[in-house]
PDB file of N, CA and C in Angstrom:
ATOM      1  N   MET A   1     -32.977   7.568  14.650  1.00  0.00           N
ATOM      2  CA  MET A   1     -31.656   7.153  15.095  1.00  0.00           C
ATOM      3  C   MET A   1     -31.731   5.736  15.666  1.00  0.00           C
ATOM      4  N   MET A   2     -30.793   4.884  15.235  1.00  0.00           N
ATOM      5  CA  MET A   2     -30.779   3.508  15.724  1.00  0.00           C
ATOM      6  C   MET A   2     -30.082   3.439  17.074  1.00  0.00           C
ATOM      7  N   LYS A   3     -30.599   2.588  17.927  1.00  0.00           N
ATOM      8  CA  LYS A   3     -29.984   2.382  19.240  1.00  0.00           C
ATOM      9  C   LYS A   3     -28.824   1.403  19.077  1.00  0.00           C
ATOM     10  N   GLN A   4     -27.651   1.782  19.549  1.00  0.00           N
ATOM     11  CA  GLN A   4     -26.488   0.906  19.480  1.00  0.00           C
ATOM     12  C   GLN A   4     -26.564  -0.123  20.596  1.00  0.00           C
ATOM     13  N   ARG A   5     -26.326  -1.378  20.226  1.00  0.00           N
ATOM     14  CA  ARG A   5     -26.342  -2.454  21.211  1.00  0.00           C
ATOM     15  C   ARG A   5     -24.934  -2.828  21.610  1.00  0.00           C
ATOM     16  N   ASP A   6     -24.804  -3.325  22.813  1.00  0.00           N
ATOM     17  CA  ASP A   6     -23.512  -3.837  23.258  1.00  0.00           C
ATOM     18  C   ASP A   6     -23.278  -5.201  22.619  1.00  0.00           C
ATOM     19  N   ALA A   7     -22.044  -5.475  22.278  1.00  0.00           N
ATOM     20  CA  ALA A   7     -21.688  -6.749  21.668  1.00  0.00           C
ATOM     21  C   ALA A   7     -21.822  -7.880  22.689  1.00  0.00           C
ATOM     22  N   LYS A   8     -22.410  -8.974  22.247  1.00  0.00           N
ATOM     23  CA  LYS A   8     -22.605 -10.156  23.098  1.00  0.00           C
ATOM     24  C   LYS A   8     -21.317 -10.966  23.223  1.00  0.00           C
ATOM     25  N   PHE A   9     -20.501 -10.951  22.167  1.00  0.00           N
ATOM     26  CA  PHE A   9     -19.260 -11.724  22.130  1.00  0.00           C
ATOM     27  C   PHE A   9     -18.069 -10.769  22.178  1.00  0.00           C
ATOM     28  N   GLN A  10     -16.886 -11.299  22.518  1.00  0.00           N
ATOM     29  CA  GLN A  10     -15.704 -10.457  22.661  1.00  0.00           C
ATOM     30  C   GLN A  10     -14.570 -10.913  21.748  1.00  0.00           C
ATOM     31  N   ILE A  11     -13.644 -10.007  21.518  1.00  0.00           N
ATOM     32  CA  ILE A  11     -12.460 -10.331  20.728  1.00  0.00           C
ATOM     33  C   ILE A  11     -11.710 -11.456  21.435  1.00  0.00           C
ATOM     34  N   GLY A  12     -11.319 -12.463  20.662  1.00  0.00           N
ATOM     35  CA  GLY A  12     -10.624 -13.630  21.206  1.00  0.00           C
ATOM     36  C   GLY A  12     -11.538 -14.804  21.501  1.00  0.00           C
ATOM     37  N   GLN A  13     -12.840 -14.574  21.472  1.00  0.00           N
ATOM     38  CA  GLN A  13     -13.791 -15.644  21.781  1.00  0.00           C
ATOM     39  C   GLN A  13     -13.985 -16.544  20.564  1.00  0.00           C
ATOM     40  N   VAL A  14     -14.102 -17.845  20.802  1.00  0.00           N
ATOM     41  CA  VAL A  14     -14.365 -18.812  19.743  1.00  0.00           C
ATOM     42  C   VAL A  14     -15.881 -18.995  19.635  1.00  0.00           C
ATOM     43  N   VAL A  15     -16.371 -18.838  18.403  1.00  0.00           N
ATOM     44  CA  VAL A  15     -17.807 -18.926  18.132  1.00  0.00           C
ATOM     45  C   VAL A  15     -18.037 -19.821  16.926  1.00  0.00           C
ATOM     46  N   ARG A  16     -19.280 -20.203  16.750  1.00  0.00           N
ATOM     47  CA  ARG A  16     -19.647 -20.955  15.547  1.00  0.00           C
ATOM     48  C   ARG A  16     -20.905 -20.341  14.959  1.00  0.00           C
ATOM     49  N   HIS A  17     -21.104 -20.575  13.663  1.00  0.00           N
ATOM     50  CA  HIS A  17     -22.281 -20.044  12.987  1.00  0.00           C
ATOM     51  C   HIS A  17     -23.491 -20.880  13.371  1.00  0.00           C
ATOM     52  N   ARG A  18     -24.597 -20.215  13.578  1.00  0.00           N
ATOM     53  CA  ARG A  18     -25.840 -20.875  13.992  1.00  0.00           C
ATOM     54  C   ARG A  18     -26.394 -21.795  12.908  1.00  0.00           C
ATOM     55  N   VAL A  19     -26.183 -21.447  11.622  1.00  0.00           N
ATOM     56  CA  VAL A  19     -26.770 -22.193  10.507  1.00  0.00           C
ATOM     57  C   VAL A  19     -25.727 -22.945   9.687  1.00  0.00           C
ATOM     58  N   PHE A  20     -24.664 -22.256   9.316  1.00  0.00           N
ATOM     59  CA  PHE A  20     -23.665 -22.848   8.427  1.00  0.00           C
ATOM     60  C   PHE A  20     -22.543 -23.516   9.223  1.00  0.00           C
ATOM     61  N   PRO A  21     -21.916 -24.565   8.644  1.00  0.00           N
ATOM     62  CA  PRO A  21     -20.927 -25.355   9.387  1.00  0.00           C
ATOM     63  C   PRO A  21     -19.530 -24.739   9.415  1.00  0.00           C
ATOM     64  N   PHE A  22     -19.393 -23.620  10.129  1.00  0.00           N
ATOM     65  CA  PHE A  22     -18.061 -23.081  10.334  1.00  0.00           C
ATOM     66  C   PHE A  22     -17.959 -22.450  11.713  1.00  0.00           C
ATOM     67  N   ARG A  23     -16.723 -22.291  12.157  1.00  0.00           N
ATOM     68  CA  ARG A  23     -16.427 -21.698  13.457  1.00  0.00           C
ATOM     69  C   ARG A  23     -15.204 -20.819  13.301  1.00  0.00           C
ATOM     70  N   GLY A  24     -14.912 -20.020  14.321  1.00  0.00           N
ATOM     71  CA  GLY A  24     -13.740 -19.175  14.233  1.00  0.00           C
ATOM     72  C   GLY A  24     -13.535 -18.362  15.490  1.00  0.00           C
ATOM     73  N   VAL A  25     -12.444 -17.577  15.485  1.00  0.00           N
ATOM     74  CA  VAL A  25     -12.133 -16.712  16.610  1.00  0.00           C
ATOM     75  C   VAL A  25     -12.354 -15.267  16.163  1.00  0.00           C
ATOM     76  N   ILE A  26     -12.993 -14.478  17.026  1.00  0.00           N
ATOM     77  CA  ILE A  26     -13.311 -13.084  16.720  1.00  0.00           C
ATOM     78  C   ILE A  26     -12.047 -12.232  16.834  1.00  0.00           C
ATOM     79  N   PHE A  27     -11.752 -11.446  15.768  1.00  0.00           N
ATOM     80  CA  PHE A  27     -10.595 -10.547  15.851  1.00  0.00           C
ATOM     81  C   PHE A  27     -10.987  -9.080  15.744  1.00  0.00           C
ATOM     82  N   ASP A  28     -12.258  -8.782  15.465  1.00  0.00           N
ATOM     83  CA  ASP A  28     -12.722  -7.400  15.439  1.00  0.00           C
ATOM     84  C   ASP A  28     -14.242  -7.404  15.518  1.00  0.00           C
ATOM     85  N   VAL A  29     -14.800  -6.271  15.999  1.00  0.00           N
ATOM     86  CA  VAL A  29     -16.257  -6.134  16.141  1.00  0.00           C
ATOM     87  C   VAL A  29     -16.670  -4.761  15.625  1.00  0.00           C
ATOM     88  N   ASP A  30     -17.703  -4.735  14.797  1.00  0.00           N
ATOM     89  CA  ASP A  30     -18.336  -3.481  14.378  1.00  0.00           C
ATOM     90  C   ASP A  30     -19.639  -3.351  15.151  1.00  0.00           C
ATOM     91  N   PRO A  31     -19.937  -2.187  15.751  1.00  0.00           N
ATOM     92  CA  PRO A  31     -21.164  -2.038  16.536  1.00  0.00           C
ATOM     93  C   PRO A  31     -22.436  -2.203  15.699  1.00  0.00           C
ATOM     94  N   GLU A  32     -22.321  -1.957  14.401  1.00  0.00           N
ATOM     95  CA  GLU A  32     -23.408  -2.233  13.465  1.00  0.00           C
ATOM     96  C   GLU A  32     -22.772  -2.528  12.114  1.00  0.00           C
ATOM     97  N   TYR A  33     -23.584  -2.948  11.156  1.00  0.00           N
ATOM     98  CA  TYR A  33     -23.080  -3.344   9.843  1.00  0.00           C
ATOM     99  C   TYR A  33     -22.175  -2.275   9.254  1.00  0.00           C
ATOM    100  N   ALA A  34     -20.980  -2.676   8.789  1.00  0.00           N
ATOM    101  CA  ALA A  34     -20.024  -1.730   8.221  1.00  0.00           C
ATOM    102  C   ALA A  34     -19.305  -2.300   7.005  1.00  0.00           C
ATOM    103  N   ASN A  35     -20.005  -3.099   6.224  1.00  0.00           N
ATOM    104  CA  ASN A  35     -19.438  -3.653   5.000  1.00  0.00           C
ATOM    105  C   ASN A  35     -20.121  -2.970   3.815  1.00  0.00           C
ATOM    106  N   THR A  36     -19.839  -3.428   2.608  1.00  0.00           N
ATOM    107  CA  THR A  36     -20.371  -2.780   1.407  1.00  0.00           C
ATOM    108  C   THR A  36     -21.829  -3.163   1.138  1.00  0.00           C
ATOM    109  N   GLU A  37     -22.509  -2.314   0.366  1.00  0.00           N
ATOM    110  CA  GLU A  37     -23.879  -2.633  -0.058  1.00  0.00           C
ATOM    111  C   GLU A  37     -23.878  -3.854  -0.972  1.00  0.00           C
ATOM    112  N   GLU A  38     -22.834  -3.994  -1.779  1.00  0.00           N
ATOM    113  CA  GLU A  38     -22.725  -5.149  -2.668  1.00  0.00           C
ATOM    114  C   GLU A  38     -22.701  -6.448  -1.855  1.00  0.00           C
ATOM    115  N   TRP A  39     -21.911  -6.471  -0.786  1.00  0.00           N
ATOM    116  CA  TRP A  39     -21.847  -7.662   0.081  1.00  0.00           C
ATOM    117  C   TRP A  39     -23.212  -7.909   0.703  1.00  0.00           C
ATOM    118  N   TRP A  40     -23.846  -6.840   1.185  1.00  0.00           N
ATOM    119  CA  TRP A  40     -25.154  -6.934   1.827  1.00  0.00           C
ATOM    120  C   TRP A  40     -26.189  -7.531   0.877  1.00  0.00           C
ATOM    121  N   ASN A  41     -26.219  -7.020  -0.353  1.00  0.00           N
ATOM    122  CA  ASN A  41     -27.205  -7.470  -1.337  1.00  0.00           C
ATOM    123  C   ASN A  41     -26.941  -8.875  -1.842  1.00  0.00           C
ATOM    124  N   ALA A  42     -25.739  -9.398  -1.629  1.00  0.00           N
ATOM    125  CA  ALA A  42     -25.424 -10.772  -2.025  1.00  0.00           C
ATOM    126  C   ALA A  42     -26.032 -11.797  -1.072  1.00  0.00           C
ATOM    127  N   ILE A  43     -26.463 -11.343   0.108  1.00  0.00           N
ATOM    128  CA  ILE A  43     -27.115 -12.243   1.065  1.00  0.00           C
ATOM    129  C   ILE A  43     -28.558 -12.428   0.630  1.00  0.00           C
ATOM    130  N   PRO A  44     -29.022 -13.668   0.476  1.00  0.00           N
ATOM    131  CA  PRO A  44     -30.419 -13.871   0.083  1.00  0.00           C
ATOM    132  C   PRO A  44     -31.374 -13.146   1.047  1.00  0.00           C
ATOM    133  N   ALA A  45     -32.338 -12.429   0.493  1.00  0.00           N
ATOM    134  CA  ALA A  45     -33.244 -11.584   1.279  1.00  0.00           C
ATOM    135  C   ALA A  45     -33.912 -12.339   2.425  1.00  0.00           C
ATOM    136  N   GLU A  46     -34.245 -13.609   2.204  1.00  0.00           N
ATOM    137  CA  GLU A  46     -34.967 -14.367   3.235  1.00  0.00           C
ATOM    138  C   GLU A  46     -34.108 -14.694   4.456  1.00  0.00           C
ATOM    139  N   ILE A  47     -32.788 -14.575   4.337  1.00  0.00           N
ATOM    140  CA  ILE A  47     -31.919 -14.834   5.498  1.00  0.00           C
ATOM    141  C   ILE A  47     -31.045 -13.628   5.845  1.00  0.00           C
ATOM    142  N   ARG A  48     -31.287 -12.493   5.192  1.00  0.00           N
ATOM    143  CA  ARG A  48     -30.479 -11.290   5.426  1.00  0.00           C
ATOM    144  C   ARG A  48     -30.751 -10.740   6.826  1.00  0.00           C
ATOM    145  N   PRO A  49     -29.723 -10.606   7.663  1.00  0.00           N
ATOM    146  CA  PRO A  49     -29.929 -10.094   9.022  1.00  0.00           C
ATOM    147  C   PRO A  49     -30.105  -8.572   9.016  1.00  0.00           C
ATOM    148  N   SER A  50     -30.588  -8.043  10.109  1.00  0.00           N
ATOM    149  CA  SER A  50     -30.728  -6.597  10.218  1.00  0.00           C
ATOM    150  C   SER A  50     -29.348  -5.976  10.393  1.00  0.00           C
ATOM    151  N   LYS A  51     -29.188  -4.729   9.933  1.00  0.00           N
ATOM    152  CA  LYS A  51     -27.896  -4.040   9.996  1.00  0.00           C
ATOM    153  C   LYS A  51     -27.622  -3.429  11.367  1.00  0.00           C
ATOM    154  N   ASP A  52     -28.645  -3.281  12.192  1.00  0.00           N
ATOM    155  CA  ASP A  52     -28.493  -2.560  13.469  1.00  0.00           C
ATOM    156  C   ASP A  52     -28.152  -3.488  14.636  1.00  0.00           C
ATOM    157  N   GLN A  53     -27.138  -4.299  14.414  1.00  0.00           N
ATOM    158  CA  GLN A  53     -26.643  -5.204  15.449  1.00  0.00           C
ATOM    159  C   GLN A  53     -25.140  -5.335  15.247  1.00  0.00           C
ATOM    160  N   PRO A  54     -24.413  -5.798  16.254  1.00  0.00           N
ATOM    161  CA  PRO A  54     -22.978  -6.000  16.066  1.00  0.00           C
ATOM    162  C   PRO A  54     -22.686  -7.038  14.968  1.00  0.00           C
ATOM    163  N   PHE A  55     -21.621  -6.778  14.222  1.00  0.00           N
ATOM    164  CA  PHE A  55     -21.111  -7.713  13.221  1.00  0.00           C
ATOM    165  C   PHE A  55     -19.677  -8.032  13.598  1.00  0.00           C
ATOM    166  N   TYR A  56     -19.294  -9.288  13.427  1.00  0.00           N
ATOM    167  CA  TYR A  56     -18.007  -9.786  13.895  1.00  0.00           C
ATOM    168  C   TYR A  56     -17.122 -10.234  12.737  1.00  0.00           C
ATOM    169  N   HIS A  57     -15.843  -9.908  12.841  1.00  0.00           N
ATOM    170  CA  HIS A  57     -14.831 -10.374  11.897  1.00  0.00           C
ATOM    171  C   HIS A  57     -14.206 -11.620  12.524  1.00  0.00           C
ATOM    172  N   LEU A  58     -14.238 -12.727  11.792  1.00  0.00           N
ATOM    173  CA  LEU A  58     -13.724 -14.002  12.317  1.00  0.00           C
ATOM    174  C   LEU A  58     -12.584 -14.544  11.475  1.00  0.00           C
ATOM    175  N   LEU A  59     -11.591 -15.126  12.144  1.00  0.00           N
ATOM    176  CA  LEU A  59     -10.652 -16.016  11.476  1.00  0.00           C
ATOM    177  C   LEU A  59     -11.383 -17.346  11.483  1.00  0.00           C
ATOM    178  N   ALA A  60     -11.993 -17.661  10.352  1.00  0.00           N
ATOM    179  CA  ALA A  60     -12.952 -18.772  10.292  1.00  0.00           C
ATOM    180  C   ALA A  60     -12.363 -20.006   9.623  1.00  0.00           C
ATOM    181  N   GLU A  61     -13.001 -21.140   9.913  1.00  0.00           N
ATOM    182  CA  GLU A  61     -12.606 -22.412   9.313  1.00  0.00           C
ATOM    183  C   GLU A  61     -13.805 -23.334   9.224  1.00  0.00           C
ATOM    184  N   ASN A  62     -13.761 -24.184   8.196  1.00  0.00           N
ATOM    185  CA  ASN A  62     -14.717 -25.282   8.110  1.00  0.00           C
ATOM    186  C   ASN A  62     -13.895 -26.537   7.828  1.00  0.00           C
ATOM    187  N   ASP A  63     -14.533 -27.612   7.448  1.00  0.00           N
ATOM    188  CA  ASP A  63     -13.794 -28.861   7.232  1.00  0.00           C
ATOM    189  C   ASP A  63     -12.806 -28.782   6.074  1.00  0.00           C
ATOM    190  N   GLU A  64     -13.057 -27.865   5.116  1.00  0.00           N
ATOM    191  CA  GLU A  64     -12.232 -27.811   3.919  1.00  0.00           C
ATOM    192  C   GLU A  64     -11.199 -26.695   3.889  1.00  0.00           C
ATOM    193  N   THR A  65     -11.489 -25.551   4.520  1.00  0.00           N
ATOM    194  CA  THR A  65     -10.630 -24.388   4.292  1.00  0.00           C
ATOM    195  C   THR A  65     -10.644 -23.402   5.457  1.00  0.00           C
ATOM    196  N   GLU A  66      -9.800 -22.397   5.345  1.00  0.00           N
ATOM    197  CA  GLU A  66      -9.727 -21.295   6.315  1.00  0.00           C
ATOM    198  C   GLU A  66      -9.989 -20.001   5.552  1.00  0.00           C
ATOM    199  N   TYR A  67     -10.630 -19.037   6.193  1.00  0.00           N
ATOM    200  CA  TYR A  67     -10.952 -17.773   5.537  1.00  0.00           C
ATOM    201  C   TYR A  67     -11.335 -16.742   6.587  1.00  0.00           C
ATOM    202  N   VAL A  68     -11.596 -15.514   6.165  1.00  0.00           N
ATOM    203  CA  VAL A  68     -12.088 -14.468   7.051  1.00  0.00           C
ATOM    204  C   VAL A  68     -13.584 -14.334   6.782  1.00  0.00           C
ATOM    205  N   ALA A  69     -14.374 -14.326   7.850  1.00  0.00           N
ATOM    206  CA  ALA A  69     -15.832 -14.204   7.718  1.00  0.00           C
ATOM    207  C   ALA A  69     -16.316 -12.942   8.429  1.00  0.00           C
ATOM    208  N   TYR A  70     -17.444 -12.425   7.975  1.00  0.00           N
ATOM    209  CA  TYR A  70     -18.091 -11.255   8.569  1.00  0.00           C
ATOM    210  C   TYR A  70     -19.513 -11.693   8.891  1.00  0.00           C
ATOM    211  N   VAL A  71     -19.854 -11.781  10.181  1.00  0.00           N
ATOM    212  CA  VAL A  71     -21.087 -12.440  10.593  1.00  0.00           C
ATOM    213  C   VAL A  71     -21.871 -11.590  11.587  1.00  0.00           C
ATOM    214  N   SER A  72     -23.192 -11.550  11.418  1.00  0.00           N
ATOM    215  CA  SER A  72     -24.061 -10.821  12.347  1.00  0.00           C
ATOM    216  C   SER A  72     -24.155 -11.556  13.681  1.00  0.00           C
ATOM    217  N   GLU A  73     -24.375 -10.793  14.734  1.00  0.00           N
ATOM    218  CA  GLU A  73     -24.473 -11.386  16.067  1.00  0.00           C
ATOM    219  C   GLU A  73     -25.569 -12.442  16.141  1.00  0.00           C
ATOM    220  N   GLN A  74     -26.709 -12.194  15.486  1.00  0.00           N
ATOM    221  CA  GLN A  74     -27.827 -13.148  15.566  1.00  0.00           C
ATOM    222  C   GLN A  74     -27.479 -14.508  14.996  1.00  0.00           C
ATOM    223  N   ASN A  75     -26.431 -14.584  14.172  1.00  0.00           N
ATOM    224  CA  ASN A  75     -26.058 -15.854  13.554  1.00  0.00           C
ATOM    225  C   ASN A  75     -24.892 -16.553  14.229  1.00  0.00           C
ATOM    226  N   LEU A  76     -24.480 -16.067  15.399  1.00  0.00           N
ATOM    227  CA  LEU A  76     -23.370 -16.695  16.111  1.00  0.00           C
ATOM    228  C   LEU A  76     -23.813 -17.258  17.455  1.00  0.00           C
ATOM    229  N   VAL A  77     -23.161 -18.336  17.848  1.00  0.00           N
ATOM    230  CA  VAL A  77     -23.304 -18.908  19.186  1.00  0.00           C
ATOM    231  C   VAL A  77     -21.906 -19.247  19.681  1.00  0.00           C
ATOM    232  N   SER A  78     -21.743 -19.294  20.981  1.00  0.00           N
ATOM    233  CA  SER A  78     -20.455 -19.632  21.566  1.00  0.00           C
ATOM    234  C   SER A  78     -20.086 -21.070  21.217  1.00  0.00           C
ATOM    235  N   ASP A  79     -18.817 -21.288  20.887  1.00  0.00           N
ATOM    236  CA  ASP A  79     -18.326 -22.638  20.615  1.00  0.00           C
ATOM    237  C   ASP A  79     -17.665 -23.140  21.886  1.00  0.00           C
ATOM    238  N   ASP A  80     -18.275 -24.116  22.514  1.00  0.00           N
ATOM    239  CA  ASP A  80     -17.787 -24.629  23.789  1.00  0.00           C
ATOM    240  C   ASP A  80     -17.046 -25.953  23.659  1.00  0.00           C
ATOM    241  N   THR A  81     -16.592 -26.286  22.435  1.00  0.00           N
ATOM    242  CA  THR A  81     -15.920 -27.573  22.234  1.00  0.00           C
ATOM    243  C   THR A  81     -14.539 -27.604  22.886  1.00  0.00           C
ATOM    244  N   GLY A  82     -13.902 -26.426  23.021  1.00  0.00           N
ATOM    245  CA  GLY A  82     -12.546 -26.388  23.560  1.00  0.00           C
ATOM    246  C   GLY A  82     -11.485 -26.720  22.532  1.00  0.00           C
ATOM    247  N   ALA A  83     -11.905 -27.042  21.307  1.00  0.00           N
ATOM    248  CA  ALA A  83     -10.935 -27.363  20.252  1.00  0.00           C
ATOM    249  C   ALA A  83     -10.251 -26.084  19.778  1.00  0.00           C
ATOM    250  N   PRO A  84      -8.934 -26.144  19.560  1.00  0.00           N
ATOM    251  CA  PRO A  84      -8.237 -24.947  19.086  1.00  0.00           C
ATOM    252  C   PRO A  84      -8.674 -24.596  17.662  1.00  0.00           C
ATOM    253  N   VAL A  85      -8.594 -23.311  17.337  1.00  0.00           N
ATOM    254  CA  VAL A  85      -8.878 -22.865  15.976  1.00  0.00           C
ATOM    255  C   VAL A  85      -7.595 -23.046  15.188  1.00  0.00           C
ATOM    256  N   ARG A  86      -7.657 -23.709  14.056  1.00  0.00           N
ATOM    257  CA  ARG A  86      -6.453 -24.048  13.292  1.00  0.00           C
ATOM    258  C   ARG A  86      -6.088 -23.003  12.245  1.00  0.00           C
ATOM    259  N   HIS A  87      -6.880 -21.946  12.117  1.00  0.00           N
ATOM    260  CA  HIS A  87      -6.635 -20.918  11.097  1.00  0.00           C
ATOM    261  C   HIS A  87      -5.175 -20.462  11.152  1.00  0.00           C
ATOM    262  N   SER A  88      -4.539 -20.346  10.002  1.00  0.00           N
ATOM    263  CA  SER A  88      -3.109 -20.034   9.948  1.00  0.00           C
ATOM    264  C   SER A  88      -2.752 -18.659  10.507  1.00  0.00           C
ATOM    265  N   GLN A  89      -3.705 -17.734  10.617  1.00  0.00           N
ATOM    266  CA  GLN A  89      -3.404 -16.393  11.123  1.00  0.00           C
ATOM    267  C   GLN A  89      -3.666 -16.231  12.629  1.00  0.00           C
ATOM    268  N   VAL A  90      -4.164 -17.250  13.297  1.00  0.00           N
ATOM    269  CA  VAL A  90      -4.476 -17.134  14.721  1.00  0.00           C
ATOM    270  C   VAL A  90      -3.248 -16.709  15.525  1.00  0.00           C
ATOM    271  N   ASN A  91      -2.112 -17.346  15.276  1.00  0.00           N
ATOM    272  CA  ASN A  91      -0.917 -17.026  16.061  1.00  0.00           C
ATOM    273  C   ASN A  91      -0.365 -15.635  15.777  1.00  0.00           C
ATOM    274  N   ALA A  92      -0.743 -15.029  14.653  1.00  0.00           N
ATOM    275  CA  ALA A  92      -0.311 -13.664  14.349  1.00  0.00           C
ATOM    276  C   ALA A  92      -1.077 -12.643  15.196  1.00  0.00           C
ATOM    277  N   PHE A  93      -2.307 -12.976  15.579  1.00  0.00           N
ATOM    278  CA  PHE A  93      -3.165 -12.060  16.319  1.00  0.00           C
ATOM    279  C   PHE A  93      -3.273 -12.371  17.811  1.00  0.00           C
ATOM    280  N   PHE A  94      -3.157 -13.654  18.165  1.00  0.00           N
ATOM    281  CA  PHE A  94      -3.490 -14.091  19.524  1.00  0.00           C
ATOM    282  C   PHE A  94      -2.447 -15.002  20.149  1.00  0.00           C
ATOM    283  N   ASP A  95      -2.431 -14.986  21.483  1.00  0.00           N
ATOM    284  CA  ASP A  95      -1.721 -15.978  22.283  1.00  0.00           C
ATOM    285  C   ASP A  95      -2.790 -16.912  22.838  1.00  0.00           C
ATOM    286  N   PRO A  96      -2.692 -18.231  22.646  1.00  0.00           N
ATOM    287  CA  PRO A  96      -3.701 -19.113  23.219  1.00  0.00           C
ATOM    288  C   PRO A  96      -3.765 -18.938  24.736  1.00  0.00           C
ATOM    289  N   GLU A  97      -4.976 -18.869  25.272  1.00  0.00           N
ATOM    290  CA  GLU A  97      -5.129 -18.651  26.715  1.00  0.00           C
ATOM    291  C   GLU A  97      -5.815 -19.832  27.369  1.00  0.00           C
ATOM    292  N   SER A  98      -7.105 -19.948  27.191  1.00  0.00           N
ATOM    293  CA  SER A  98      -7.859 -21.018  27.838  1.00  0.00           C
ATOM    294  C   SER A  98      -8.886 -21.553  26.857  1.00  0.00           C
ATOM    295  N   VAL A  99      -9.682 -22.497  27.294  1.00  0.00           N
ATOM    296  CA  VAL A  99     -10.690 -23.114  26.450  1.00  0.00           C
ATOM    297  C   VAL A  99     -11.631 -22.043  25.902  1.00  0.00           C
ATOM    298  N   GLY A 100     -11.688 -21.938  24.568  1.00  0.00           N
ATOM    299  CA  GLY A 100     -12.628 -21.037  23.926  1.00  0.00           C
ATOM    300  C   GLY A 100     -12.278 -19.565  23.954  1.00  0.00           C
ATOM    301  N   LEU A 101     -11.074 -19.194  24.427  1.00  0.00           N
ATOM    302  CA  LEU A 101     -10.727 -17.778  24.490  1.00  0.00           C
ATOM    303  C   LEU A 101      -9.251 -17.572  24.168  1.00  0.00           C
ATOM    304  N   TYR A 102      -8.978 -16.624  23.265  1.00  0.00           N
ATOM    305  CA  TYR A 102      -7.614 -16.271  22.906  1.00  0.00           C
ATOM    306  C   TYR A 102      -7.356 -14.837  23.359  1.00  0.00           C
ATOM    307  N   THR A 103      -6.148 -14.577  23.842  1.00  0.00           N
ATOM    308  CA  THR A 103      -5.766 -13.239  24.296  1.00  0.00           C
ATOM    309  C   THR A 103      -5.065 -12.517  23.144  1.00  0.00           C
ATOM    310  N   PRO A 104      -5.553 -11.315  22.772  1.00  0.00           N
ATOM    311  CA  PRO A 104      -4.874 -10.568  21.694  1.00  0.00           C
ATOM    312  C   PRO A 104      -3.418 -10.285  22.086  1.00  0.00           C
ATOM    313  N   LYS A 105      -2.527 -10.408  21.097  1.00  0.00           N
ATOM    314  CA  LYS A 105      -1.112 -10.107  21.324  1.00  0.00           C
ATOM    315  C   LYS A 105      -0.980  -8.600  21.542  1.00  0.00           C
ATOM    316  N   THR A 106      -0.099  -8.228  22.427  1.00  0.00           N
ATOM    317  CA  THR A 106       0.136  -6.809  22.665  1.00  0.00           C
ATOM    318  C   THR A 106       1.220  -6.315  21.723  1.00  0.00           C
ATOM    319  N   VAL A 107       1.090  -5.076  21.317  1.00  0.00           N
ATOM    320  CA  VAL A 107       2.078  -4.468  20.437  1.00  0.00           C
ATOM    321  C   VAL A 107       3.247  -4.010  21.298  1.00  0.00           C
ATOM    322  N   GLN A 108       4.430  -4.460  20.940  1.00  0.00           N
ATOM    323  CA  GLN A 108       5.609  -4.060  21.701  1.00  0.00           C
ATOM    324  C   GLN A 108       6.271  -2.880  21.022  1.00  0.00           C
ATOM    325  N   ARG A 109       6.477  -1.824  21.785  1.00  0.00           N
ATOM    326  CA  ARG A 109       7.110  -0.619  21.247  1.00  0.00           C
ATOM    327  C   ARG A 109       8.579  -0.585  21.666  1.00  0.00           C
ATOM    328  N   HIS A 110       9.421  -0.176  20.743  1.00  0.00           N
ATOM    329  CA  HIS A 110      10.863  -0.122  21.023  1.00  0.00           C
ATOM    330  C   HIS A 110      11.316   1.299  21.182  1.00  0.00           C
TER     331      HIS A 110
END
């Protein structure tokens, strides 16, 4: 049985990839790998992270485009630039709060 680890980062936090040039805001966290085997096998073996760590769903961006990324905890670091994330879906999920942190929007019930 694998030991579940606590997530190092939180929903709404702005992070950047340790190796590749992109950053984003976290909108969901899986306690361990929860994507397809096909996606897993598409990662080159020499850089494939272990599955027994938190994986983060990001509204991600680089210099050219915006997209959704799925990234292992070992490949993320906190983004302390204070620059807002420009991803077009950020405002659908979050209210801007402070430097490097977005507050999830609350669901209003009628």
